[in-house]
Amino acid sequence: MKRKLMEILACPIDKHHPLDLHVFEEKDEIIEGLIICSQCGRWYPIRDEIPEMLPDELRKESEDLPFLKKWKDKVPQQTVSEGKPFNLK
């Protein structure tokens, strides 16, 4: 994902903009990271350079929780313990 994309992304749930970006791995583009909506507390993974901005009902806990566990040391603590739709609490 290109950093410039953050200028136009909004939360699909509450339409909040701007969103917070946390980069975990980057080369020419962001390979892995996290996008967080500070308004509703939802987080969206960036995997293989693709931001996965899906509504709650289309997300898979079996895919999202392992991602959150993998990067929990780089994710804000509030997202780890209270993030939506899934968290590590």
N, C-alpha and C. Protein backbone atom coordinates (compact mmCIF):
# COMPACT_ATOMS: atom_id res chain seq x y z
N MET A 1 0.85 -1.17 0.00
CA MET A 1 0.00 0.00 0.00
C MET A 1 0.90 1.23 0.00
N LYS A 2 0.54 2.19 -0.78
CA LYS A 2 1.28 3.46 -0.79
C LYS A 2 0.78 4.35 0.35
N ARG A 3 1.71 5.05 1.00
CA ARG A 3 1.34 5.94 2.11
C ARG A 3 0.32 6.99 1.68
N LYS A 4 0.42 7.43 0.45
CA LYS A 4 -0.48 8.48 -0.05
C LYS A 4 -1.96 8.06 0.01
N LEU A 5 -2.21 6.77 -0.03
CA LEU A 5 -3.59 6.28 0.04
C LEU A 5 -4.29 6.70 1.33
N MET A 6 -3.51 6.91 2.39
CA MET A 6 -4.09 7.32 3.68
C MET A 6 -4.83 8.65 3.59
N GLU A 7 -4.49 9.46 2.59
CA GLU A 7 -5.15 10.75 2.42
C GLU A 7 -6.63 10.61 2.05
N ILE A 8 -7.00 9.48 1.46
CA ILE A 8 -8.39 9.32 1.02
C ILE A 8 -9.16 8.23 1.76
N LEU A 9 -8.46 7.39 2.53
CA LEU A 9 -9.15 6.31 3.25
C LEU A 9 -9.97 6.84 4.42
N ALA A 10 -11.16 6.27 4.59
CA ALA A 10 -12.02 6.57 5.73
C ALA A 10 -12.54 5.25 6.28
N CYS A 11 -12.92 5.26 7.54
CA CYS A 11 -13.46 4.05 8.17
C CYS A 11 -14.76 3.65 7.47
N PRO A 12 -14.88 2.40 7.04
CA PRO A 12 -16.11 1.98 6.37
C PRO A 12 -17.33 1.93 7.30
N ILE A 13 -17.10 1.94 8.60
CA ILE A 13 -18.21 1.87 9.55
C ILE A 13 -18.76 3.25 9.87
N ASP A 14 -17.88 4.18 10.30
CA ASP A 14 -18.39 5.49 10.71
C ASP A 14 -17.92 6.64 9.82
N LYS A 15 -17.19 6.33 8.76
CA LYS A 15 -16.72 7.30 7.76
C LYS A 15 -15.71 8.30 8.32
N HIS A 16 -15.12 8.00 9.48
CA HIS A 16 -14.14 8.90 10.10
C HIS A 16 -12.88 9.00 9.24
N HIS A 17 -12.35 10.20 9.16
CA HIS A 17 -11.11 10.50 8.44
C HIS A 17 -10.43 11.64 9.17
N PRO A 18 -9.14 11.67 9.34
CA PRO A 18 -8.14 10.70 8.89
C PRO A 18 -8.02 9.52 9.85
N LEU A 19 -7.44 8.46 9.35
CA LEU A 19 -7.20 7.25 10.14
C LEU A 19 -5.73 7.20 10.56
N ASP A 20 -5.44 6.43 11.62
CA ASP A 20 -4.08 6.29 12.12
C ASP A 20 -3.41 5.11 11.42
N LEU A 21 -2.15 5.32 11.03
CA LEU A 21 -1.39 4.30 10.34
C LEU A 21 -0.22 3.84 11.20
N HIS A 22 -0.08 2.52 11.34
CA HIS A 22 1.05 1.92 12.04
C HIS A 22 1.71 0.95 11.06
N VAL A 23 2.96 1.23 10.73
CA VAL A 23 3.69 0.43 9.74
C VAL A 23 4.59 -0.58 10.45
N PHE A 24 4.48 -1.84 10.08
CA PHE A 24 5.30 -2.89 10.68
C PHE A 24 6.41 -3.34 9.74
N GLU A 25 6.12 -3.34 8.44
CA GLU A 25 7.11 -3.75 7.45
C GLU A 25 6.90 -2.92 6.19
N GLU A 26 8.00 -2.31 5.70
CA GLU A 26 7.89 -1.44 4.54
C GLU A 26 9.13 -1.55 3.68
N LYS A 27 8.91 -1.59 2.37
CA LYS A 27 10.00 -1.52 1.40
C LYS A 27 9.65 -0.34 0.50
N ASP A 28 9.32 -0.57 -0.75
CA ASP A 28 8.85 0.53 -1.59
C ASP A 28 7.43 0.95 -1.17
N GLU A 29 6.69 -0.01 -0.68
CA GLU A 29 5.33 0.24 -0.20
C GLU A 29 5.18 -0.41 1.17
N ILE A 30 4.07 -0.10 1.85
CA ILE A 30 3.80 -0.73 3.14
C ILE A 30 3.37 -2.17 2.88
N ILE A 31 4.13 -3.10 3.43
CA ILE A 31 3.85 -4.52 3.22
C ILE A 31 2.90 -5.03 4.29
N GLU A 32 3.22 -4.73 5.56
CA GLU A 32 2.34 -5.11 6.66
C GLU A 32 2.20 -3.94 7.61
N GLY A 33 1.00 -3.75 8.10
CA GLY A 33 0.73 -2.66 9.02
C GLY A 33 -0.69 -2.72 9.52
N LEU A 34 -1.08 -1.63 10.15
CA LEU A 34 -2.41 -1.56 10.76
C LEU A 34 -2.98 -0.17 10.56
N ILE A 35 -4.25 -0.11 10.21
CA ILE A 35 -4.97 1.15 10.11
C ILE A 35 -5.99 1.15 11.24
N ILE A 36 -6.02 2.22 12.01
CA ILE A 36 -6.91 2.30 13.17
C ILE A 36 -7.81 3.52 13.06
N CYS A 37 -9.10 3.31 13.32
CA CYS A 37 -10.06 4.42 13.40
C CYS A 37 -10.10 4.86 14.86
N SER A 38 -9.63 6.06 15.13
CA SER A 38 -9.61 6.56 16.51
C SER A 38 -11.00 6.86 17.03
N GLN A 39 -11.96 6.99 16.14
CA GLN A 39 -13.33 7.31 16.57
C GLN A 39 -14.10 6.09 17.06
N CYS A 40 -14.08 4.99 16.30
CA CYS A 40 -14.87 3.82 16.70
C CYS A 40 -14.01 2.69 17.27
N GLY A 41 -12.70 2.80 17.16
CA GLY A 41 -11.82 1.79 17.74
C GLY A 41 -11.58 0.56 16.87
N ARG A 42 -12.05 0.61 15.63
CA ARG A 42 -11.83 -0.53 14.76
C ARG A 42 -10.44 -0.47 14.15
N TRP A 43 -9.91 -1.67 13.88
CA TRP A 43 -8.60 -1.76 13.25
C TRP A 43 -8.71 -2.62 12.01
N TYR A 44 -7.86 -2.28 11.05
CA TYR A 44 -7.87 -2.95 9.75
C TYR A 44 -6.44 -3.33 9.39
N PRO A 45 -6.19 -4.60 9.09
CA PRO A 45 -4.83 -5.01 8.77
C PRO A 45 -4.43 -4.62 7.35
N ILE A 46 -3.14 -4.42 7.18
CA ILE A 46 -2.55 -4.30 5.85
C ILE A 46 -1.70 -5.56 5.71
N ARG A 47 -2.07 -6.41 4.76
CA ARG A 47 -1.34 -7.66 4.53
C ARG A 47 -0.95 -7.74 3.06
N ASP A 48 0.29 -8.11 2.81
CA ASP A 48 0.77 -8.23 1.43
C ASP A 48 0.46 -6.98 0.61
N GLU A 49 0.68 -5.81 1.23
CA GLU A 49 0.52 -4.50 0.60
C GLU A 49 -0.94 -4.11 0.36
N ILE A 50 -1.90 -4.87 0.89
CA ILE A 50 -3.32 -4.60 0.65
C ILE A 50 -4.02 -4.24 1.96
N PRO A 51 -4.63 -3.03 2.02
CA PRO A 51 -5.41 -2.69 3.22
C PRO A 51 -6.76 -3.43 3.16
N GLU A 52 -7.07 -4.15 4.23
CA GLU A 52 -8.31 -4.93 4.27
C GLU A 52 -9.35 -4.17 5.08
N MET A 53 -10.07 -3.30 4.41
CA MET A 53 -11.03 -2.40 5.05
C MET A 53 -12.44 -2.97 4.93
N LEU A 54 -12.65 -4.12 5.53
CA LEU A 54 -13.94 -4.81 5.45
C LEU A 54 -14.83 -4.48 6.64
N PRO A 55 -16.16 -4.46 6.43
CA PRO A 55 -17.07 -4.31 7.56
C PRO A 55 -17.01 -5.55 8.45
N ASP A 56 -17.42 -5.39 9.69
CA ASP A 56 -17.31 -6.46 10.70
C ASP A 56 -17.85 -7.80 10.22
N GLU A 57 -18.99 -7.81 9.58
CA GLU A 57 -19.64 -9.07 9.21
C GLU A 57 -18.87 -9.84 8.14
N LEU A 58 -17.95 -9.20 7.44
CA LEU A 58 -17.16 -9.88 6.42
C LEU A 58 -15.76 -10.26 6.89
N ARG A 59 -15.43 -9.89 8.12
CA ARG A 59 -14.11 -10.20 8.65
C ARG A 59 -14.09 -11.58 9.29
N LYS A 60 -12.91 -12.20 9.30
CA LYS A 60 -12.77 -13.55 9.87
C LYS A 60 -11.86 -13.48 11.09
N GLU A 61 -12.42 -13.82 12.23
CA GLU A 61 -11.66 -13.84 13.47
C GLU A 61 -10.45 -14.76 13.35
N SER A 62 -10.61 -15.86 12.65
CA SER A 62 -9.53 -16.84 12.50
C SER A 62 -8.35 -16.29 11.70
N GLU A 63 -8.55 -15.22 10.94
CA GLU A 63 -7.47 -14.59 10.19
C GLU A 63 -6.96 -13.35 10.91
N ASP A 64 -7.86 -12.58 11.52
CA ASP A 64 -7.48 -11.30 12.13
C ASP A 64 -6.75 -11.47 13.46
N LEU A 65 -7.17 -12.42 14.30
CA LEU A 65 -6.51 -12.57 15.60
C LEU A 65 -5.05 -13.02 15.49
N PRO A 66 -4.72 -13.96 14.60
CA PRO A 66 -3.30 -14.30 14.45
C PRO A 66 -2.46 -13.10 13.99
N PHE A 67 -3.02 -12.26 13.13
CA PHE A 67 -2.31 -11.05 12.68
C PHE A 67 -2.06 -10.13 13.87
N LEU A 68 -3.09 -9.92 14.69
CA LEU A 68 -2.97 -9.04 15.86
C LEU A 68 -1.95 -9.61 16.85
N LYS A 69 -1.97 -10.91 17.05
CA LYS A 69 -1.00 -11.56 17.96
C LYS A 69 0.43 -11.40 17.44
N LYS A 70 0.60 -11.56 16.15
CA LYS A 70 1.93 -11.46 15.53
C LYS A 70 2.56 -10.09 15.79
N TRP A 71 1.76 -9.03 15.72
CA TRP A 71 2.28 -7.67 15.82
C TRP A 71 1.92 -6.97 17.12
N LYS A 72 1.44 -7.69 18.13
CA LYS A 72 0.92 -7.05 19.35
C LYS A 72 1.91 -6.12 20.03
N ASP A 73 3.21 -6.37 19.88
CA ASP A 73 4.21 -5.49 20.50
C ASP A 73 4.34 -4.16 19.79
N LYS A 74 3.82 -4.06 18.57
CA LYS A 74 3.89 -2.81 17.81
C LYS A 74 2.54 -2.12 17.68
N VAL A 75 1.50 -2.77 18.20
CA VAL A 75 0.13 -2.23 18.13
C VAL A 75 -0.16 -1.46 19.41
N PRO A 76 -0.85 -0.30 19.31
CA PRO A 76 -1.21 0.40 20.55
C PRO A 76 -1.97 -0.51 21.52
N GLN A 77 -1.64 -0.42 22.80
CA GLN A 77 -2.22 -1.31 23.81
C GLN A 77 -3.75 -1.25 23.83
N GLN A 78 -4.31 -0.08 23.60
CA GLN A 78 -5.78 0.04 23.60
C GLN A 78 -6.39 -0.82 22.49
N THR A 79 -5.75 -0.88 21.34
CA THR A 79 -6.25 -1.71 20.24
C THR A 79 -6.11 -3.18 20.57
N VAL A 80 -5.00 -3.56 21.19
CA VAL A 80 -4.79 -4.96 21.57
C VAL A 80 -5.88 -5.42 22.54
N SER A 81 -6.23 -4.58 23.51
CA SER A 81 -7.17 -5.01 24.55
C SER A 81 -8.63 -4.62 24.30
N GLU A 82 -8.88 -3.58 23.47
CA GLU A 82 -10.25 -3.12 23.27
C GLU A 82 -10.64 -2.96 21.81
N GLY A 83 -9.75 -3.28 20.87
CA GLY A 83 -10.03 -3.06 19.46
C GLY A 83 -11.25 -3.81 18.97
N LYS A 84 -11.86 -3.28 17.94
CA LYS A 84 -13.05 -3.88 17.35
C LYS A 84 -12.72 -4.30 15.94
N PRO A 85 -13.30 -5.34 15.42
CA PRO A 85 -14.27 -6.21 16.03
C PRO A 85 -13.64 -7.29 16.91
N PHE A 86 -12.30 -7.46 16.85
CA PHE A 86 -11.64 -8.49 17.63
C PHE A 86 -10.50 -7.88 18.44
N ASN A 87 -10.21 -8.47 19.59
CA ASN A 87 -9.09 -8.03 20.41
C ASN A 87 -8.53 -9.22 21.17
N LEU A 88 -7.44 -8.99 21.89
CA LEU A 88 -6.77 -10.09 22.61
C LEU A 88 -7.11 -10.12 24.08
N LYS A 89 -8.17 -9.48 24.49
CA LYS A 89 -8.56 -9.43 25.90
C LYS A 89 -9.10 -10.76 26.39
